[in-house]
């Protein structure tokens, strides 16, 4: 085994504006499970981020075969909503396979989700499996 074979995924992470709203959305729309939620050591977060006033609350949620971390900055560095476009560097997305897209769309709308553009089926789509 070489070093690359020892690499494995730990989690994905997204910084969010409202952690409680994000948790509610992923629990109710996608049935994710909240594993933990709480503050982190300010000194450690400041050292890791390089931000002098960094203070965060973190939630880990279990999705289908992966863990996702959501971070909300609090205090002086409170998260601000960014209006990025899909073509902008720093834009990110999470792609999930769902059995009934219309049902998921309706649930998402009830919890504030809205599409950026028209919803459609991607022809000749390729599902990646690991």
C-alpha atoms as a PDB file:
ATOM      1  CA  UNK A   1       0.000   0.000   0.000  1.00  0.00           C
ATOM      2  CA  UNK A   2       1.307   3.460  -0.853  1.00  0.00           C
ATOM      3  CA  UNK A   3       0.480   6.752   0.890  1.00  0.00           C
ATOM      4  CA  UNK A   4      -2.354   7.588  -1.501  1.00  0.00           C
ATOM      5  CA  UNK A   5      -4.132   4.318  -0.597  1.00  0.00           C
ATOM      6  CA  UNK A   6      -4.267   5.467   3.036  1.00  0.00           C
ATOM      7  CA  UNK A   7      -6.248   8.611   2.189  1.00  0.00           C
ATOM      8  CA  UNK A   8      -9.947   8.532   3.025  1.00  0.00           C
ATOM      9  CA  UNK A   9     -12.734  11.085   3.189  1.00  0.00           C
ATOM     10  CA  UNK A  10     -13.505  12.561   6.594  1.00  0.00           C
ATOM     11  CA  UNK A  11     -16.176  15.164   5.755  1.00  0.00           C
ATOM     12  CA  UNK A  12     -17.302  18.015   3.510  1.00  0.00           C
ATOM     13  CA  UNK A  13     -17.762  21.498   4.986  1.00  0.00           C
ATOM     14  CA  UNK A  14     -19.809  24.574   4.144  1.00  0.00           C
ATOM     15  CA  UNK A  15     -19.971  27.888   5.999  1.00  0.00           C
ATOM     16  CA  UNK A  16     -23.595  28.978   6.411  1.00  0.00           C
ATOM     17  CA  UNK A  17     -25.393  32.130   7.484  1.00  0.00           C
ATOM     18  CA  UNK A  18     -27.937  30.443   9.791  1.00  0.00           C
ATOM     19  CA  UNK A  19     -26.936  27.079  11.260  1.00  0.00           C
ATOM     20  CA  UNK A  20     -30.321  26.253  12.803  1.00  0.00           C
ATOM     21  CA  UNK A  21     -32.132  26.952   9.523  1.00  0.00           C
ATOM     22  CA  UNK A  22     -29.585  24.834   7.630  1.00  0.00           C
ATOM     23  CA  UNK A  23     -29.954  21.918  10.052  1.00  0.00           C
ATOM     24  CA  UNK A  24     -33.742  22.065   9.802  1.00  0.00           C
ATOM     25  CA  UNK A  25     -33.572  22.135   5.996  1.00  0.00           C
ATOM     26  CA  UNK A  26     -31.312  19.081   5.716  1.00  0.00           C
ATOM     27  CA  UNK A  27     -33.196  17.130   8.398  1.00  0.00           C
ATOM     28  CA  UNK A  28     -36.640  17.753   6.909  1.00  0.00           C
ATOM     29  CA  UNK A  29     -35.873  17.807   3.183  1.00  0.00           C
ATOM     30  CA  UNK A  30     -33.244  15.056   2.935  1.00  0.00           C
ATOM     31  CA  UNK A  31     -33.668  13.178   6.249  1.00  0.00           C
ATOM     32  CA  UNK A  32     -30.064  13.850   7.293  1.00  0.00           C
ATOM     33  CA  UNK A  33     -29.210  13.043  10.905  1.00  0.00           C
ATOM     34  CA  UNK A  34     -27.617  15.660  13.143  1.00  0.00           C
ATOM     35  CA  UNK A  35     -24.668  13.993  14.864  1.00  0.00           C
ATOM     36  CA  UNK A  36     -23.458  16.967  16.903  1.00  0.00           C
ATOM     37  CA  UNK A  37     -23.797  20.719  17.247  1.00  0.00           C
ATOM     38  CA  UNK A  38     -21.789  23.087  19.392  1.00  0.00           C
ATOM     39  CA  UNK A  39     -19.096  25.722  19.731  1.00  0.00           C
ATOM     40  CA  UNK A  40     -15.401  25.063  19.216  1.00  0.00           C
ATOM     41  CA  UNK A  41     -12.369  26.212  21.154  1.00  0.00           C
ATOM     42  CA  UNK A  42     -11.836  29.832  20.099  1.00  0.00           C
ATOM     43  CA  UNK A  43      -8.045  29.613  20.359  1.00  0.00           C
ATOM     44  CA  UNK A  44      -7.875  26.566  18.129  1.00  0.00           C
ATOM     45  CA  UNK A  45     -10.280  28.063  15.561  1.00  0.00           C
ATOM     46  CA  UNK A  46      -8.326  31.305  15.492  1.00  0.00           C
ATOM     47  CA  UNK A  47      -5.081  29.383  14.962  1.00  0.00           C
ATOM     48  CA  UNK A  48      -6.554  27.210  12.182  1.00  0.00           C
ATOM     49  CA  UNK A  49      -8.337  30.012  10.293  1.00  0.00           C
ATOM     50  CA  UNK A  50      -5.789  32.773  10.846  1.00  0.00           C
ATOM     51  CA  UNK A  51      -8.702  35.035  11.821  1.00  0.00           C
ATOM     52  CA  UNK A  52      -8.059  36.841  15.101  1.00  0.00           C
ATOM     53  CA  UNK A  53     -11.735  37.120  16.085  1.00  0.00           C
ATOM     54  CA  UNK A  54     -12.910  33.735  14.800  1.00  0.00           C
ATOM     55  CA  UNK A  55     -15.685  32.130  16.838  1.00  0.00           C
ATOM     56  CA  UNK A  56     -17.862  29.387  15.386  1.00  0.00           C
ATOM     57  CA  UNK A  57     -20.647  26.931  16.038  1.00  0.00           C
ATOM     58  CA  UNK A  58     -20.349  23.651  14.134  1.00  0.00           C
ATOM     59  CA  UNK A  59     -22.859  20.950  13.262  1.00  0.00           C
ATOM     60  CA  UNK A  60     -21.980  17.579  11.798  1.00  0.00           C
ATOM     61  CA  UNK A  61     -24.741  15.846   9.860  1.00  0.00           C
ATOM     62  CA  UNK A  62     -24.866  12.362   8.406  1.00  0.00           C
ATOM     63  CA  UNK A  63     -25.971  12.067   4.819  1.00  0.00           C
ATOM     64  CA  UNK A  64     -26.195   8.976   2.625  1.00  0.00           C
ATOM     65  CA  UNK A  65     -22.670   7.573   2.938  1.00  0.00           C
ATOM     66  CA  UNK A  66     -20.929  10.789   4.015  1.00  0.00           C
ATOM     67  CA  UNK A  67     -20.623  13.357   6.775  1.00  0.00           C
ATOM     68  CA  UNK A  68     -21.154  17.054   6.147  1.00  0.00           C
ATOM     69  CA  UNK A  69     -20.030  19.856   8.448  1.00  0.00           C
ATOM     70  CA  UNK A  70     -21.873  23.163   8.583  1.00  0.00           C
ATOM     71  CA  UNK A  71     -20.113  26.134  10.211  1.00  0.00           C
ATOM     72  CA  UNK A  72     -21.690  29.375  11.398  1.00  0.00           C
ATOM     73  CA  UNK A  73     -19.351  32.205  12.385  1.00  0.00           C
ATOM     74  CA  UNK A  74     -20.652  34.175  15.367  1.00  0.00           C
ATOM     75  CA  UNK A  75     -19.641  37.392  17.100  1.00  0.00           C
ATOM     76  CA  UNK A  76     -17.492  39.949  15.265  1.00  0.00           C
ATOM     77  CA  UNK A  77     -17.048  37.709  12.221  1.00  0.00           C
ATOM     78  CA  UNK A  78     -20.711  36.757  11.822  1.00  0.00           C
ATOM     79  CA  UNK A  79     -21.360  34.981   8.515  1.00  0.00           C
ATOM     80  CA  UNK A  80     -22.622  37.176   5.712  1.00  0.00           C
ATOM     81  CA  UNK A  81     -24.697  36.030   2.794  1.00  0.00           C
ATOM     82  CA  UNK A  82     -22.744  35.945  -0.445  1.00  0.00           C
ATOM     83  CA  UNK A  83     -24.555  36.207  -3.749  1.00  0.00           C
ATOM     84  CA  UNK A  84     -22.283  34.033  -5.853  1.00  0.00           C
ATOM     85  CA  UNK A  85     -23.248  32.690  -9.228  1.00  0.00           C
ATOM     86  CA  UNK A  86     -22.522  29.183 -10.511  1.00  0.00           C
ATOM     87  CA  UNK A  87     -19.748  30.640 -12.695  1.00  0.00           C
ATOM     88  CA  UNK A  88     -17.977  32.344  -9.756  1.00  0.00           C
ATOM     89  CA  UNK A  89     -14.913  30.879  -8.082  1.00  0.00           C
ATOM     90  CA  UNK A  90     -15.958  29.806  -4.545  1.00  0.00           C
ATOM     91  CA  UNK A  91     -19.413  28.690  -5.690  1.00  0.00           C
ATOM     92  CA  UNK A  92     -20.093  25.143  -4.490  1.00  0.00           C
ATOM     93  CA  UNK A  93     -22.850  22.599  -4.715  1.00  0.00           C
ATOM     94  CA  UNK A  94     -23.859  19.274  -3.223  1.00  0.00           C
ATOM     95  CA  UNK A  95     -25.327  16.767  -5.690  1.00  0.00           C
ATOM     96  CA  UNK A  96     -27.657  14.106  -4.328  1.00  0.00           C
ATOM     97  CA  UNK A  97     -29.522  11.348  -6.133  1.00  0.00           C
ATOM     98  CA  UNK A  98     -33.177  11.382  -5.022  1.00  0.00           C
ATOM     99  CA  UNK A  99     -35.947   8.888  -5.833  1.00  0.00           C
ATOM    100  CA  UNK A 100     -38.687  11.530  -6.378  1.00  0.00           C
ATOM    101  CA  UNK A 101     -37.459  14.961  -7.457  1.00  0.00           C
ATOM    102  CA  UNK A 102     -40.897  16.608  -7.360  1.00  0.00           C
ATOM    103  CA  UNK A 103     -41.461  15.493  -3.758  1.00  0.00           C
ATOM    104  CA  UNK A 104     -38.034  16.778  -2.694  1.00  0.00           C
ATOM    105  CA  UNK A 105     -38.658  20.096  -4.476  1.00  0.00           C
ATOM    106  CA  UNK A 106     -41.949  20.559  -2.589  1.00  0.00           C
ATOM    107  CA  UNK A 107     -40.297  19.802   0.761  1.00  0.00           C
ATOM    108  CA  UNK A 108     -37.403  22.120  -0.072  1.00  0.00           C
ATOM    109  CA  UNK A 109     -39.790  24.975  -0.883  1.00  0.00           C
ATOM    110  CA  UNK A 110     -41.513  24.532   2.515  1.00  0.00           C
ATOM    111  CA  UNK A 111     -38.114  25.097   4.169  1.00  0.00           C
ATOM    112  CA  UNK A 112     -36.991  28.053   2.064  1.00  0.00           C
ATOM    113  CA  UNK A 113     -35.222  26.208  -0.757  1.00  0.00           C
ATOM    114  CA  UNK A 114     -35.502  27.657  -4.230  1.00  0.00           C
ATOM    115  CA  UNK A 115     -33.866  26.759  -7.521  1.00  0.00           C
ATOM    116  CA  UNK A 116     -31.324  29.120  -9.052  1.00  0.00           C
ATOM    117  CA  UNK A 117     -32.677  28.372 -12.513  1.00  0.00           C
ATOM    118  CA  UNK A 118     -34.971  26.007 -14.361  1.00  0.00           C
ATOM    119  CA  UNK A 119     -35.206  22.448 -13.037  1.00  0.00           C
ATOM    120  CA  UNK A 120     -34.540  19.856 -15.690  1.00  0.00           C
ATOM    121  CA  UNK A 121     -33.151  16.431 -16.379  1.00  0.00           C
ATOM    122  CA  UNK A 122     -29.553  16.254 -17.538  1.00  0.00           C
ATOM    123  CA  UNK A 123     -29.439  14.058 -20.605  1.00  0.00           C
ATOM    124  CA  UNK A 124     -26.648  11.532 -20.883  1.00  0.00           C
ATOM    125  CA  UNK A 125     -25.883  12.104 -17.210  1.00  0.00           C
ATOM    126  CA  UNK A 126     -23.277   9.877 -15.682  1.00  0.00           C
ATOM    127  CA  UNK A 127     -23.581   8.826 -12.078  1.00  0.00           C
ATOM    128  CA  UNK A 128     -20.198   8.556 -10.427  1.00  0.00           C
ATOM    129  CA  UNK A 129     -19.719   5.695  -7.995  1.00  0.00           C
ATOM    130  CA  UNK A 130     -16.805   5.220  -5.643  1.00  0.00           C
END
